[in-house]
């Protein structure tokens, strides 16, 4: 609760410990799990098999050939360093939610979406199902306060749609976690239509969320010459810009008119610029977007579009005025290192700038429209 308004965190995270797969994976896939552990041998930590599929990110800028790669220190740039145990212990998480003033948290995986790099779709789905079983237990500790976002195998859209329909019956599910591209497909690809149809049929939002330096690699990842400063700064917004343009340009939100979409963890400051640029190109080259029937900015301003802000974005008041505050949602990114724990709610609400009704939109009302299963 903040200033009389309830608060929904539309993008918090769990931290998947490796042993959840020992506990929750179907027995017939245990040999594949052992192979995965061997692949990660020597680099594994107790979280998500170490960084077995991450890129080298350790080159300092200005040093073409470092003698030894850098390792990020983990220092929290603002506020306090969050208690990482909240990522796998719901009791610690809820105490931190109370401290921040969060009533309900919607939880995203940290690396499960990267299981698209596993050797088979069957193994990927088995690992996803194991994660879902673990997340169901995590949320069950506080079922009214913790909700999860299901992960699906985007490289097999028909099976992804089937999984959406199955998991939609689970009480913990609030949305579907998707990437802004998969392999050589962008979001306009007709092959992905089964996913949009399943989301629409089950009334679950499509939530687009990227990651840094891991599959499915965001736009620009391989152009950053192993520098985490560049990768972490650029790939999430680059990927969301591409994803938004392809989703809108492909006419997806006109073909699936009840589909709600959210773009997360890339900030909002870039959105007005991108809206204007896409509008201009819609006028310049309409033949390249044959299924688009309205200006891209009109799609963004439609009732089914949402975007999460970073709590400390100085441009947030301008964006809220330009796009409309009814499209902006609060997100904590807890317990990741670059959040602003324990101040994310008050930094987003900005009572010195936003009227109480706008605060309520950003902190609660908009998220309730995005995630209607939250009571």
Protein backbone atom coordinates (compact mmCIF):
# COMPACT_ATOMS: atom_id res chain seq x y z
CA UNK A 1 0.00 0.00 0.00
CA UNK A 2 1.26 3.49 -0.87
CA UNK A 3 -0.57 6.75 -0.26
CA UNK A 4 -3.89 4.91 -0.02
CA UNK A 5 -3.35 2.80 -3.16
CA UNK A 6 -2.69 -0.90 -3.32
CA UNK A 7 0.43 -1.88 -5.27
CA UNK A 8 1.05 -4.63 -7.84
CA UNK A 9 4.64 -5.38 -8.79
CA UNK A 10 4.20 -6.38 -12.44
CA UNK A 11 7.75 -7.70 -12.84
CA UNK A 12 9.51 -9.25 -9.90
CA UNK A 13 11.78 -12.28 -10.24
CA UNK A 14 12.46 -15.60 -8.66
CA UNK A 15 15.95 -17.08 -8.66
CA UNK A 16 15.74 -20.70 -9.77
CA UNK A 17 18.06 -22.92 -7.68
CA UNK A 18 19.54 -25.87 -9.54
CA UNK A 19 18.18 -28.41 -7.10
CA UNK A 20 14.59 -27.63 -8.08
CA UNK A 21 15.19 -29.77 -11.19
CA UNK A 22 16.51 -32.64 -9.07
CA UNK A 23 13.29 -32.42 -7.07
CA UNK A 24 10.69 -31.62 -9.73
CA UNK A 25 11.92 -33.00 -13.07
CA UNK A 26 10.25 -36.12 -14.48
CA UNK A 27 12.42 -39.20 -13.97
CA UNK A 28 12.82 -40.03 -17.66
CA UNK A 29 14.59 -36.71 -18.25
CA UNK A 30 17.09 -37.13 -15.40
CA UNK A 31 19.84 -38.40 -17.79
CA UNK A 32 19.45 -35.19 -19.82
CA UNK A 33 19.73 -33.23 -16.59
CA UNK A 34 22.96 -35.03 -15.71
CA UNK A 35 24.34 -34.14 -19.14
CA UNK A 36 23.42 -30.52 -18.51
CA UNK A 37 25.24 -30.57 -15.18
CA UNK A 38 28.34 -31.95 -16.87
CA UNK A 39 28.19 -29.16 -19.43
CA UNK A 40 28.17 -26.65 -16.56
CA UNK A 41 30.89 -28.43 -14.56
CA UNK A 42 33.52 -26.11 -13.19
CA UNK A 43 31.37 -23.02 -13.70
CA UNK A 44 28.17 -23.98 -11.92
CA UNK A 45 26.79 -22.17 -8.91
CA UNK A 46 23.76 -23.14 -6.86
CA UNK A 47 21.66 -20.93 -9.15
CA UNK A 48 20.57 -21.90 -12.66
CA UNK A 49 23.65 -24.02 -13.52
CA UNK A 50 26.02 -21.11 -13.19
CA UNK A 51 26.45 -19.29 -16.47
CA UNK A 52 26.91 -22.33 -18.66
CA UNK A 53 25.29 -20.67 -21.67
CA UNK A 54 26.25 -17.05 -21.09
CA UNK A 55 28.71 -15.08 -23.15
CA UNK A 56 32.01 -13.59 -22.15
CA UNK A 57 31.15 -10.14 -20.80
CA UNK A 58 34.45 -9.28 -19.14
CA UNK A 59 36.23 -6.83 -21.47
CA UNK A 60 36.69 -3.32 -19.99
CA UNK A 61 36.07 -0.58 -22.53
CA UNK A 62 39.33 0.88 -23.74
CA UNK A 63 41.15 -2.42 -23.16
CA UNK A 64 41.05 -4.43 -26.43
CA UNK A 65 42.72 -7.56 -25.06
CA UNK A 66 42.49 -7.83 -21.27
CA UNK A 67 44.79 -10.29 -19.55
CA UNK A 68 41.91 -11.56 -17.43
CA UNK A 69 38.16 -11.01 -17.87
CA UNK A 70 36.37 -8.77 -15.42
CA UNK A 71 33.71 -10.15 -13.09
CA UNK A 72 30.86 -7.87 -12.07
CA UNK A 73 31.20 -7.01 -8.40
CA UNK A 74 27.50 -7.29 -7.64
CA UNK A 75 27.47 -3.86 -5.99
CA UNK A 76 23.98 -2.41 -5.94
CA UNK A 77 24.26 1.02 -7.59
CA UNK A 78 21.43 2.55 -5.54
CA UNK A 79 19.64 1.76 -2.32
CA UNK A 80 20.38 -1.45 -0.47
CA UNK A 81 21.55 -4.78 -1.76
CA UNK A 82 18.43 -6.98 -1.66
CA UNK A 83 18.38 -10.27 0.18
CA UNK A 84 18.86 -12.73 -2.67
CA UNK A 85 17.18 -15.46 -0.63
CA UNK A 86 13.86 -13.79 -1.41
CA UNK A 87 14.29 -15.13 -4.93
CA UNK A 88 13.72 -18.71 -3.74
CA UNK A 89 12.25 -18.25 -0.24
CA UNK A 90 8.72 -16.78 -0.38
CA UNK A 91 8.70 -15.95 3.32
CA UNK A 92 11.71 -13.65 2.97
CA UNK A 93 10.21 -12.17 -0.18
CA UNK A 94 6.91 -11.27 1.47
CA UNK A 95 8.73 -9.51 4.31
CA UNK A 96 10.58 -7.42 1.72
CA UNK A 97 7.30 -6.80 -0.12
CA UNK A 98 5.83 -5.45 3.12
CA UNK A 99 8.85 -3.21 3.54
CA UNK A 100 8.44 -1.75 0.05
CA UNK A 101 4.65 -1.52 0.24
CA UNK A 102 3.90 -4.19 -2.40
CA UNK A 103 0.58 -5.99 -2.02
CA UNK A 104 0.90 -8.46 -4.92
CA UNK A 105 3.99 -9.54 -6.87
CA UNK A 106 3.91 -11.09 -10.35
CA UNK A 107 6.95 -13.32 -10.70
CA UNK A 108 9.14 -13.93 -13.74
CA UNK A 109 11.86 -16.53 -14.09
CA UNK A 110 15.46 -15.38 -14.22
CA UNK A 111 16.84 -17.84 -16.79
CA UNK A 112 14.21 -20.46 -17.66
CA UNK A 113 13.43 -18.65 -20.91
CA UNK A 114 17.02 -19.52 -21.92
CA UNK A 115 16.09 -23.21 -21.99
CA UNK A 116 15.34 -22.56 -25.67
CA UNK A 117 19.06 -23.38 -26.03
CA UNK A 118 18.64 -26.95 -24.75
CA UNK A 119 19.18 -29.76 -27.21
CA UNK A 120 15.54 -30.78 -27.73
CA UNK A 121 12.13 -29.19 -27.32
CA UNK A 122 11.05 -32.24 -25.30
CA UNK A 123 13.76 -31.58 -22.73
CA UNK A 124 12.99 -27.87 -22.75
CA UNK A 125 9.31 -28.53 -22.00
CA UNK A 126 10.21 -31.02 -19.26
CA UNK A 127 12.45 -28.42 -17.60
CA UNK A 128 9.75 -25.77 -17.96
CA UNK A 129 7.18 -28.09 -16.37
CA UNK A 130 9.55 -28.74 -13.48
CA UNK A 131 9.97 -25.00 -13.02
CA UNK A 132 6.19 -24.53 -13.08
CA UNK A 133 5.73 -27.16 -10.35
CA UNK A 134 8.35 -25.43 -8.20
CA UNK A 135 6.85 -21.98 -8.85
CA UNK A 136 3.37 -23.27 -7.95
CA UNK A 137 4.72 -24.34 -4.56
CA UNK A 138 6.53 -21.02 -4.12
CA UNK A 139 3.34 -19.05 -4.82
CA UNK A 140 1.19 -21.38 -2.69
CA UNK A 141 2.89 -20.06 0.45
CA UNK A 142 1.02 -16.75 -0.08
CA UNK A 143 -1.52 -17.46 -2.83
CA UNK A 144 -3.21 -14.05 -2.70
CA UNK A 145 0.08 -12.15 -2.84
CA UNK A 146 2.31 -14.19 -5.16
CA UNK A 147 1.42 -14.93 -8.77
CA UNK A 148 3.59 -16.39 -11.52
CA UNK A 149 4.14 -15.96 -15.24
CA UNK A 150 4.27 -19.23 -17.16
CA UNK A 151 7.13 -19.99 -19.57
CA UNK A 152 6.46 -21.68 -22.92
CA UNK A 153 8.63 -23.16 -25.73
CA UNK A 154 8.39 -20.46 -28.39
CA UNK A 155 10.39 -22.52 -30.88
CA UNK A 156 7.39 -24.89 -31.10
CA UNK A 157 4.35 -22.56 -31.14
CA UNK A 158 1.76 -25.36 -31.33
CA UNK A 159 3.12 -27.02 -28.21
CA UNK A 160 3.51 -23.62 -26.59
CA UNK A 161 -0.19 -22.96 -27.20
CA UNK A 162 -1.07 -26.34 -25.74
CA UNK A 163 0.99 -25.60 -22.63
CA UNK A 164 -0.66 -22.17 -22.24
CA UNK A 165 -4.09 -23.79 -22.25
CA UNK A 166 -3.00 -26.42 -19.74
CA UNK A 167 -1.27 -24.10 -17.30
CA UNK A 168 -4.03 -21.48 -17.52
CA UNK A 169 -6.05 -23.69 -15.18
CA UNK A 170 -3.47 -23.29 -12.41
CA UNK A 171 -4.39 -20.76 -9.69
CA UNK A 172 -0.92 -19.21 -9.57
CA UNK A 173 -0.74 -18.23 -13.26
CA UNK A 174 -1.21 -14.56 -14.17
CA UNK A 175 0.45 -14.29 -17.59
CA UNK A 176 2.78 -15.81 -20.19
CA UNK A 177 6.50 -15.02 -20.36
CA UNK A 178 7.69 -14.52 -23.95
CA UNK A 179 10.77 -13.25 -25.73
CA UNK A 180 10.67 -10.55 -28.38
CA UNK A 181 12.07 -13.02 -30.92
CA UNK A 182 12.91 -16.71 -31.14
CA UNK A 183 15.59 -18.09 -33.41
CA UNK A 184 14.96 -16.50 -36.84
CA UNK A 185 11.36 -15.49 -36.11
CA UNK A 186 10.27 -12.02 -35.06
CA UNK A 187 6.89 -11.38 -33.48
CA UNK A 188 5.19 -10.70 -36.82
CA UNK A 189 5.76 -14.28 -38.01
CA UNK A 190 2.47 -16.09 -38.75
CA UNK A 191 3.97 -19.24 -37.25
CA UNK A 192 3.60 -17.63 -33.81
CA UNK A 193 -0.15 -17.07 -34.22
CA UNK A 194 -1.06 -20.16 -32.15
CA UNK A 195 0.58 -18.48 -29.14
CA UNK A 196 -1.39 -15.25 -29.57
CA UNK A 197 -4.60 -17.24 -30.03
CA UNK A 198 -3.98 -19.26 -26.88
CA UNK A 199 -3.21 -16.14 -24.84
CA UNK A 200 -6.37 -14.50 -26.14
CA UNK A 201 -8.52 -17.58 -25.53
CA UNK A 202 -7.29 -18.00 -21.95
CA UNK A 203 -7.32 -14.25 -21.19
CA UNK A 204 -3.63 -14.34 -20.23
CA UNK A 205 -1.41 -11.41 -21.25
CA UNK A 206 1.64 -11.86 -23.47
CA UNK A 207 4.54 -10.45 -21.44
CA UNK A 208 7.73 -9.70 -23.38
CA UNK A 209 10.85 -9.71 -21.27
CA UNK A 210 14.46 -9.97 -22.40
CA UNK A 211 17.70 -10.97 -20.76
CA UNK A 212 21.34 -9.96 -21.02
CA UNK A 213 24.03 -12.09 -22.65
CA UNK A 214 22.06 -15.33 -22.71
CA UNK A 215 19.64 -17.07 -25.08
CA UNK A 216 17.56 -15.98 -26.84
CA UNK A 217 20.21 -13.32 -27.34
CA UNK A 218 18.85 -9.78 -27.57
CA UNK A 219 19.43 -7.51 -30.53
CA UNK A 220 22.98 -6.18 -30.55
CA UNK A 221 24.40 -8.75 -28.12
CA UNK A 222 27.16 -9.86 -30.48
CA UNK A 223 28.06 -6.31 -31.48
CA UNK A 224 29.15 -5.29 -27.97
CA UNK A 225 32.59 -6.99 -28.04
CA UNK A 226 32.19 -8.75 -24.70
CA UNK A 227 31.52 -5.62 -22.65
CA UNK A 228 28.78 -5.90 -20.01
CA UNK A 229 28.41 -2.12 -19.70
CA UNK A 230 27.26 -1.99 -23.32
CA UNK A 231 25.31 -5.24 -23.29
CA UNK A 232 23.34 -4.53 -20.13
CA UNK A 233 22.64 -0.93 -21.16
CA UNK A 234 21.52 -1.66 -24.70
CA UNK A 235 20.23 -5.14 -25.43
CA UNK A 236 16.97 -5.02 -23.45
CA UNK A 237 15.70 -1.74 -24.97
CA UNK A 238 17.05 -2.68 -28.42
CA UNK A 239 15.21 -6.00 -28.26
CA UNK A 240 11.98 -4.41 -27.03
CA UNK A 241 12.15 -1.78 -29.78
CA UNK A 242 12.50 -4.50 -32.40
CA UNK A 243 9.82 -6.62 -30.76
CA UNK A 244 7.36 -3.76 -30.51
CA UNK A 245 7.93 -2.71 -34.12
CA UNK A 246 7.51 -6.23 -35.49
CA UNK A 247 4.43 -6.95 -33.34
CA UNK A 248 2.73 -3.73 -34.41
CA UNK A 249 3.99 -3.81 -37.99
CA UNK A 250 2.77 -7.37 -38.42
CA UNK A 251 -0.74 -6.31 -37.43
CA UNK A 252 -0.83 -8.79 -34.54
CA UNK A 253 -2.88 -6.53 -32.29
CA UNK A 254 -5.39 -5.98 -35.07
CA UNK A 255 -5.65 -9.68 -35.89
CA UNK A 256 -5.98 -10.60 -32.19
CA UNK A 257 -8.01 -7.71 -30.86
CA UNK A 258 -8.42 -9.04 -27.30
CA UNK A 259 -4.72 -9.82 -26.85
CA UNK A 260 -3.09 -7.79 -24.06
CA UNK A 261 0.66 -7.23 -24.31
CA UNK A 262 3.28 -5.83 -21.95
CA UNK A 263 6.91 -4.91 -22.57
CA UNK A 264 9.02 -5.17 -19.45
CA UNK A 265 12.42 -4.28 -18.01
CA UNK A 266 13.52 -1.90 -20.74
CA UNK A 267 12.30 1.41 -19.34
CA UNK A 268 9.92 3.85 -21.03
CA UNK A 269 12.07 6.81 -22.02
CA UNK A 270 12.63 5.47 -25.53
CA UNK A 271 8.93 4.92 -26.27
CA UNK A 272 7.83 8.41 -27.46
CA UNK A 273 10.78 8.61 -29.86
CA UNK A 274 10.02 5.14 -31.20
CA UNK A 275 6.32 5.88 -31.63
CA UNK A 276 7.07 8.97 -33.72
CA UNK A 277 9.68 7.17 -35.81
CA UNK A 278 7.38 4.22 -36.50
CA UNK A 279 4.55 6.58 -37.44
CA UNK A 280 6.83 8.29 -39.93
CA UNK A 281 7.86 5.01 -41.50
CA UNK A 282 4.26 3.84 -41.65
CA UNK A 283 3.63 6.84 -43.89
CA UNK A 284 6.87 6.43 -45.87
CA UNK A 285 6.65 2.71 -46.63
CA UNK A 286 3.19 1.27 -45.97
CA UNK A 287 3.81 -1.55 -48.43
CA UNK A 288 6.20 -3.11 -45.88
CA UNK A 289 3.46 -3.36 -43.24
CA UNK A 290 0.48 -4.68 -45.27
CA UNK A 291 -1.44 -5.91 -42.19
CA UNK A 292 -1.10 -2.66 -40.24
CA UNK A 293 -4.32 -0.64 -40.45
CA UNK A 294 -3.55 2.27 -38.11
CA UNK A 295 -0.64 4.41 -37.02
CA UNK A 296 1.77 2.59 -34.67
CA UNK A 297 1.24 5.28 -32.05
CA UNK A 298 -2.48 4.47 -32.09
CA UNK A 299 -1.68 0.84 -31.31
CA UNK A 300 0.53 1.88 -28.39
CA UNK A 301 -2.23 4.11 -27.07
CA UNK A 302 -4.84 1.35 -27.37
CA UNK A 303 -6.29 -0.24 -24.25
CA UNK A 304 -4.38 -3.51 -24.63
CA UNK A 305 -0.82 -2.11 -24.51
CA UNK A 306 1.28 -1.80 -21.32
CA UNK A 307 4.91 -1.00 -20.54
CA UNK A 308 6.84 -1.07 -17.28
CA UNK A 309 8.93 1.88 -16.17
CA UNK A 310 12.15 1.95 -14.22
CA UNK A 311 11.48 3.54 -10.82
CA UNK A 312 14.05 6.31 -11.22
CA UNK A 313 13.51 7.38 -14.84
CA UNK A 314 13.58 11.17 -14.96
CA UNK A 315 11.58 11.12 -18.20
CA UNK A 316 8.68 9.18 -16.67
CA UNK A 317 6.37 12.21 -16.15
CA UNK A 318 6.88 13.28 -19.76
CA UNK A 319 6.23 9.76 -21.07
CA UNK A 320 3.12 9.42 -18.90
CA UNK A 321 1.80 12.64 -20.41
CA UNK A 322 2.79 11.72 -23.99
CA UNK A 323 1.61 8.10 -24.06
CA UNK A 324 -1.01 8.24 -21.33
CA UNK A 325 -0.54 7.08 -17.73
CA UNK A 326 -3.06 4.27 -18.30
CA UNK A 327 -0.35 2.32 -20.17
CA UNK A 328 2.44 2.49 -17.57
CA UNK A 329 2.93 -0.18 -14.92
CA UNK A 330 5.17 -0.38 -11.87
CA UNK A 331 7.89 -3.05 -11.62
CA UNK A 332 10.50 -3.67 -8.93
CA UNK A 333 12.88 -6.15 -10.64
CA UNK A 334 13.46 -7.58 -7.13
CA UNK A 335 15.84 -9.20 -6.19
CA UNK A 336 18.15 -8.37 -9.10
CA UNK A 337 21.26 -6.31 -8.48
CA UNK A 338 20.19 -3.26 -10.51
CA UNK A 339 16.90 -2.59 -8.73
CA UNK A 340 16.27 0.21 -6.24
CA UNK A 341 15.20 -1.85 -3.25
CA UNK A 342 13.64 -0.81 -0.89
CA UNK A 343 12.47 2.42 -2.56
CA UNK A 344 10.99 1.32 -5.89
CA UNK A 345 7.36 2.06 -5.01
CA UNK A 346 7.87 5.61 -3.79
CA UNK A 347 10.32 6.41 -6.59
CA UNK A 348 7.70 5.32 -9.14
CA UNK A 349 4.70 6.93 -7.45
CA UNK A 350 6.29 10.41 -7.26
CA UNK A 351 3.59 12.15 -5.21
CA UNK A 352 5.38 15.44 -5.83
CA UNK A 353 4.62 15.03 -9.56
CA UNK A 354 1.67 12.68 -10.05
CA UNK A 355 -1.84 13.27 -8.76
CA UNK A 356 -3.25 10.48 -6.55
CA UNK A 357 -5.37 9.09 -9.39
CA UNK A 358 -2.28 8.78 -11.64
CA UNK A 359 -0.33 7.13 -8.85
CA UNK A 360 -3.17 4.63 -8.48
CA UNK A 361 -3.18 3.92 -12.23
CA UNK A 362 0.55 3.15 -12.32
CA UNK A 363 0.70 1.23 -9.05
CA UNK A 364 -2.54 -0.77 -9.23
CA UNK A 365 -5.28 -0.05 -11.78
CA UNK A 366 -3.25 -0.65 -14.95
CA UNK A 367 -1.77 -3.87 -13.61
CA UNK A 368 -5.23 -5.13 -12.71
CA UNK A 369 -6.30 -4.61 -16.32
CA UNK A 370 -3.16 -6.38 -17.56
CA UNK A 371 -3.44 -9.23 -15.05
CA UNK A 372 -7.20 -9.60 -14.40
CA UNK A 373 -6.73 -12.80 -12.40
CA UNK A 374 -5.35 -10.71 -9.57
CA UNK A 375 -8.23 -10.03 -7.19
